[in-house]
N, C-alpha and C. Protein backbone atom coordinates (compact mmCIF):
# COMPACT_ATOMS: atom_id res chain seq x y z
N MET A 1 -8.94 -10.11 36.87
CA MET A 1 -7.95 -9.18 37.06
C MET A 1 -6.50 -9.70 37.50
N LEU A 2 -6.68 -10.96 37.90
CA LEU A 2 -5.39 -11.61 38.28
C LEU A 2 -4.42 -11.77 37.07
N GLU A 3 -5.08 -11.92 35.73
CA GLU A 3 -4.33 -12.06 34.67
C GLU A 3 -3.56 -10.75 34.18
N LEU A 4 -3.99 -9.60 34.70
CA LEU A 4 -3.21 -8.48 34.55
C LEU A 4 -1.90 -8.45 35.32
N GLY A 5 -1.77 -9.15 36.35
CA GLY A 5 -0.56 -9.20 37.24
C GLY A 5 -0.83 -8.50 38.46
N VAL A 6 0.25 -8.42 39.30
CA VAL A 6 -0.05 -7.77 40.60
C VAL A 6 0.20 -6.34 40.60
N SER A 7 -0.24 -5.72 41.62
CA SER A 7 0.12 -4.08 41.72
C SER A 7 -1.16 -3.35 41.12
N PHE A 8 -2.22 -3.94 40.81
CA PHE A 8 -3.16 -3.23 40.10
C PHE A 8 -4.35 -3.12 41.30
N ALA A 9 -5.04 -1.87 41.27
CA ALA A 9 -6.06 -1.70 42.30
C ALA A 9 -7.39 -1.18 41.36
N PHE A 10 -8.42 -2.05 41.69
CA PHE A 10 -9.54 -1.65 40.89
C PHE A 10 -10.41 -0.12 41.51
N VAL A 11 -10.46 0.75 40.61
CA VAL A 11 -10.98 1.92 40.87
C VAL A 11 -12.68 1.92 40.58
N GLY A 12 -12.95 1.40 39.37
CA GLY A 12 -14.32 1.20 39.03
C GLY A 12 -14.57 0.78 37.75
N SER A 13 -15.81 0.16 37.70
CA SER A 13 -16.34 -0.26 36.39
C SER A 13 -17.37 0.80 35.94
N GLN A 14 -17.40 0.98 34.66
CA GLN A 14 -18.45 2.05 34.23
C GLN A 14 -18.15 3.35 34.97
N TYR A 15 -16.81 3.67 35.10
CA TYR A 15 -16.60 4.82 36.11
C TYR A 15 -17.04 6.05 35.37
N PRO A 16 -17.76 6.86 36.03
CA PRO A 16 -18.45 8.11 35.61
C PRO A 16 -17.24 9.36 35.60
N LEU A 17 -17.24 10.14 34.43
CA LEU A 17 -16.54 11.25 34.40
C LEU A 17 -17.39 12.46 33.87
N GLN A 18 -17.25 13.51 34.47
CA GLN A 18 -18.05 14.68 33.81
C GLN A 18 -17.14 15.68 33.22
N VAL A 19 -17.45 15.85 32.04
CA VAL A 19 -16.58 16.77 30.99
C VAL A 19 -17.54 17.67 30.34
N SER A 20 -17.23 18.96 30.63
CA SER A 20 -18.15 20.03 30.07
C SER A 20 -19.70 19.68 30.20
N GLY A 21 -20.08 19.34 31.21
CA GLY A 21 -21.36 19.14 31.80
C GLY A 21 -21.88 17.79 31.35
N LYS A 22 -21.27 17.04 30.64
CA LYS A 22 -21.72 15.75 29.99
C LYS A 22 -20.92 14.62 30.69
N GLU A 23 -21.77 13.50 30.98
CA GLU A 23 -21.33 12.37 31.79
C GLU A 23 -20.66 11.12 30.63
N PHE A 24 -19.53 10.80 30.97
CA PHE A 24 -18.92 9.72 30.10
C PHE A 24 -18.56 8.65 31.08
N ARG A 25 -18.71 7.40 30.56
CA ARG A 25 -18.47 6.31 31.51
C ARG A 25 -17.16 5.33 30.82
N ILE A 26 -16.11 5.20 31.75
CA ILE A 26 -15.08 4.22 31.23
C ILE A 26 -15.34 2.83 31.63
N ASN A 27 -15.21 1.96 30.78
CA ASN A 27 -15.51 0.56 31.06
C ASN A 27 -14.89 0.06 32.24
N LEU A 28 -13.51 0.24 32.45
CA LEU A 28 -12.84 -0.17 33.53
C LEU A 28 -11.64 0.86 33.89
N LEU A 29 -11.52 1.19 35.08
CA LEU A 29 -10.57 2.09 35.51
C LEU A 29 -9.75 1.43 36.69
N LEU A 30 -8.55 1.17 36.54
CA LEU A 30 -7.68 0.62 37.46
C LEU A 30 -6.47 1.65 37.90
N TYR A 31 -5.81 1.37 38.99
CA TYR A 31 -4.60 2.15 39.20
C TYR A 31 -3.44 1.30 39.46
N HIS A 32 -2.27 1.50 39.04
CA HIS A 32 -1.21 0.64 39.20
C HIS A 32 -0.29 1.25 40.29
N PHE A 33 -0.27 0.73 41.45
CA PHE A 33 0.44 1.37 42.52
C PHE A 33 1.87 1.39 42.60
N ARG A 34 2.52 0.55 41.78
CA ARG A 34 4.07 0.52 41.56
C ARG A 34 4.31 1.60 40.53
N LEU A 35 3.71 1.63 39.51
CA LEU A 35 3.85 2.70 38.37
C LEU A 35 3.30 3.96 38.62
N HIS A 36 2.39 4.06 39.68
CA HIS A 36 1.80 5.33 40.15
C HIS A 36 1.00 5.94 38.99
N CYS A 37 0.24 5.17 38.32
CA CYS A 37 -0.72 5.73 37.07
C CYS A 37 -2.00 4.99 37.27
N PHE A 38 -2.96 5.86 36.53
CA PHE A 38 -4.21 5.19 36.13
C PHE A 38 -4.02 4.30 34.93
N VAL A 39 -4.88 3.29 34.74
CA VAL A 39 -5.04 2.48 33.64
C VAL A 39 -6.48 2.55 33.16
N VAL A 40 -6.70 2.93 31.99
CA VAL A 40 -7.98 3.04 31.32
C VAL A 40 -8.19 1.92 30.38
N ILE A 41 -9.14 0.93 30.58
CA ILE A 41 -9.30 -0.10 29.85
C ILE A 41 -10.86 -0.04 29.18
N ASP A 42 -10.70 -0.01 27.73
CA ASP A 42 -12.06 0.13 26.99
C ASP A 42 -12.34 -1.23 26.32
N LEU A 43 -13.35 -1.88 26.81
CA LEU A 43 -13.61 -3.28 26.21
C LEU A 43 -14.62 -3.06 25.07
N LYS A 44 -14.42 -3.73 23.92
CA LYS A 44 -15.18 -3.61 22.69
C LYS A 44 -15.30 -5.07 22.03
N VAL A 45 -16.66 -5.12 21.69
CA VAL A 45 -16.89 -6.51 20.93
C VAL A 45 -17.19 -6.29 19.42
N VAL A 46 -16.38 -5.51 18.90
CA VAL A 46 -16.54 -4.96 17.51
C VAL A 46 -15.24 -5.06 16.88
N GLU A 47 -15.09 -4.97 15.53
CA GLU A 47 -13.91 -5.03 14.75
C GLU A 47 -13.29 -3.57 14.93
N PHE A 48 -11.97 -3.32 15.00
CA PHE A 48 -11.40 -2.13 15.25
C PHE A 48 -11.71 -0.99 14.20
N GLU A 49 -12.03 0.18 14.72
CA GLU A 49 -12.42 1.38 13.97
C GLU A 49 -11.58 2.51 14.43
N PRO A 50 -10.89 3.20 13.69
CA PRO A 50 -10.13 4.41 13.98
C PRO A 50 -10.82 5.37 15.22
N GLU A 51 -12.10 5.32 14.96
CA GLU A 51 -12.89 6.34 15.99
C GLU A 51 -12.44 5.74 17.59
N LEU A 52 -12.38 4.46 17.57
CA LEU A 52 -12.19 3.80 19.08
C LEU A 52 -10.98 4.36 19.77
N SER A 53 -9.80 4.61 18.80
CA SER A 53 -8.67 5.05 19.48
C SER A 53 -8.80 6.54 19.92
N GLY A 54 -9.62 7.31 19.13
CA GLY A 54 -10.01 8.68 19.56
C GLY A 54 -10.73 8.73 20.90
N LYS A 55 -11.65 7.93 20.99
CA LYS A 55 -12.51 7.49 22.27
C LYS A 55 -11.61 7.41 23.49
N ILE A 56 -10.60 6.50 23.47
CA ILE A 56 -9.93 6.11 24.59
C ILE A 56 -8.87 7.25 24.74
N ASN A 57 -8.42 7.85 23.75
CA ASN A 57 -7.62 9.00 24.09
C ASN A 57 -8.31 10.23 24.73
N PHE A 58 -9.51 10.35 24.47
CA PHE A 58 -10.37 11.37 25.13
C PHE A 58 -10.60 10.90 26.78
N TYR A 59 -10.67 9.62 27.10
CA TYR A 59 -10.87 9.20 28.44
C TYR A 59 -9.44 9.47 29.12
N VAL A 60 -8.41 9.02 28.38
CA VAL A 60 -7.06 9.06 28.95
C VAL A 60 -6.81 10.69 29.51
N SER A 61 -7.13 11.65 28.49
CA SER A 61 -7.17 13.08 28.72
C SER A 61 -7.87 13.40 30.06
N ALA A 62 -9.23 12.74 29.78
CA ALA A 62 -10.03 13.33 30.96
C ALA A 62 -9.54 12.85 32.44
N VAL A 63 -9.10 11.62 32.51
CA VAL A 63 -8.56 11.11 33.54
C VAL A 63 -7.42 11.82 34.30
N ASP A 64 -6.41 12.28 33.30
CA ASP A 64 -5.41 12.91 33.50
C ASP A 64 -5.77 14.37 34.17
N ASP A 65 -6.69 14.95 33.37
CA ASP A 65 -7.04 16.40 33.86
C ASP A 65 -7.92 16.30 35.30
N LEU A 66 -8.75 15.31 35.42
CA LEU A 66 -9.77 15.22 36.59
C LEU A 66 -9.26 14.43 37.70
N LEU A 67 -8.51 13.30 37.65
CA LEU A 67 -8.03 12.45 38.65
C LEU A 67 -6.61 12.47 38.95
N ARG A 68 -5.78 12.53 38.14
CA ARG A 68 -4.39 12.52 38.22
C ARG A 68 -3.88 13.48 39.23
N SER A 69 -2.98 13.18 40.06
CA SER A 69 -2.33 14.09 40.98
C SER A 69 -1.00 14.39 40.44
N GLU A 70 -0.18 15.34 41.10
CA GLU A 70 1.10 15.85 40.81
C GLU A 70 2.07 14.61 40.80
N GLN A 71 1.77 13.66 41.76
CA GLN A 71 2.68 12.58 42.11
C GLN A 71 2.42 11.37 41.12
N ASP A 72 1.43 11.46 40.36
CA ASP A 72 0.99 10.39 39.55
C ASP A 72 1.90 10.46 38.10
N GLN A 73 1.93 9.57 37.63
CA GLN A 73 2.54 9.24 36.11
C GLN A 73 1.34 9.47 35.16
N PRO A 74 1.63 9.72 33.83
CA PRO A 74 0.53 9.86 32.84
C PRO A 74 -0.20 8.57 32.84
N THR A 75 -1.47 8.77 32.47
CA THR A 75 -2.43 7.53 32.38
C THR A 75 -1.93 6.59 31.29
N ILE A 76 -2.32 5.32 31.35
CA ILE A 76 -2.05 4.34 30.35
C ILE A 76 -3.33 3.97 29.83
N GLU A 77 -3.37 3.63 28.57
CA GLU A 77 -4.66 3.12 27.81
C GLU A 77 -4.35 1.74 27.43
N GLN A 78 -5.48 1.07 27.44
CA GLN A 78 -5.47 -0.32 26.85
C GLN A 78 -7.02 -0.44 26.12
N LEU A 79 -6.91 -0.70 25.01
CA LEU A 79 -7.99 -1.11 24.02
C LEU A 79 -8.20 -2.58 23.91
N GLU A 80 -9.19 -3.17 24.54
CA GLU A 80 -9.31 -4.68 24.33
C GLU A 80 -10.36 -4.92 23.35
N MET A 81 -10.08 -5.61 22.32
CA MET A 81 -11.09 -5.96 21.30
C MET A 81 -11.46 -7.48 21.35
N GLU A 82 -12.70 -7.57 20.91
CA GLU A 82 -13.09 -8.98 20.79
C GLU A 82 -13.63 -9.14 19.38
N LEU A 83 -13.53 -10.30 18.88
CA LEU A 83 -14.06 -10.50 17.50
C LEU A 83 -15.57 -10.55 17.58
N GLU A 84 -16.29 -9.94 16.61
CA GLU A 84 -17.65 -9.80 16.52
C GLU A 84 -18.25 -11.19 16.55
N THR A 85 -17.55 -12.18 15.97
CA THR A 85 -18.13 -13.52 15.88
C THR A 85 -18.19 -14.02 17.23
N ALA A 86 -17.27 -13.73 18.16
CA ALA A 86 -17.42 -14.35 19.49
C ALA A 86 -18.68 -13.82 20.06
N ALA A 87 -18.97 -12.62 19.83
CA ALA A 87 -20.24 -12.05 20.51
C ALA A 87 -21.43 -12.66 19.84
N GLN A 88 -21.46 -12.92 18.59
CA GLN A 88 -22.50 -13.53 17.88
C GLN A 88 -22.73 -15.02 18.46
N GLU A 89 -21.68 -15.80 18.73
CA GLU A 89 -21.72 -17.10 19.31
C GLU A 89 -22.27 -16.96 20.62
N LEU A 90 -22.05 -16.10 21.42
CA LEU A 90 -22.56 -16.03 23.03
C LEU A 90 -24.09 -15.69 22.78
N LYS A 91 -24.54 -14.84 21.76
CA LYS A 91 -25.96 -14.66 21.64
C LYS A 91 -26.59 -15.90 21.30
N ILE A 92 -25.95 -16.69 20.39
CA ILE A 92 -26.65 -17.96 19.89
C ILE A 92 -26.78 -18.96 21.27
N GLU A 93 -25.83 -19.03 21.90
CA GLU A 93 -25.81 -19.90 23.02
C GLU A 93 -26.69 -19.53 24.06
N ASP A 94 -26.79 -18.24 24.22
CA ASP A 94 -27.87 -17.73 25.29
C ASP A 94 -29.24 -17.97 24.72
N ALA A 95 -29.50 -17.85 23.48
CA ALA A 95 -30.78 -18.22 22.83
C ALA A 95 -31.23 -19.58 22.95
N GLU A 96 -30.23 -20.49 22.82
CA GLU A 96 -30.55 -21.91 23.10
C GLU A 96 -30.78 -22.27 24.24
N GLN A 97 -30.55 -21.61 25.41
CA GLN A 97 -30.66 -22.15 26.56
C GLN A 97 -31.98 -21.80 27.23
């Protein structure tokens, strides 16, 4: 988290949100106390697909509707992608140990 810089507060990992009676989980939810906004981070270990941006936009809307107060700024999104080959390398290393 230090790599993100100062002013971030950890809200939760796999943070649950209830939307229309269904539970959804955000990979990482932070709050930036200088910008006064939530930050949704979605971590993926696959190549980018357009559906991923729709999913993170859904999370941002849900956080704005359910958590954001009148004093907060709109939620910021961050989609973090890893190359699929990096995940495969980790699986190979784990199997060798």
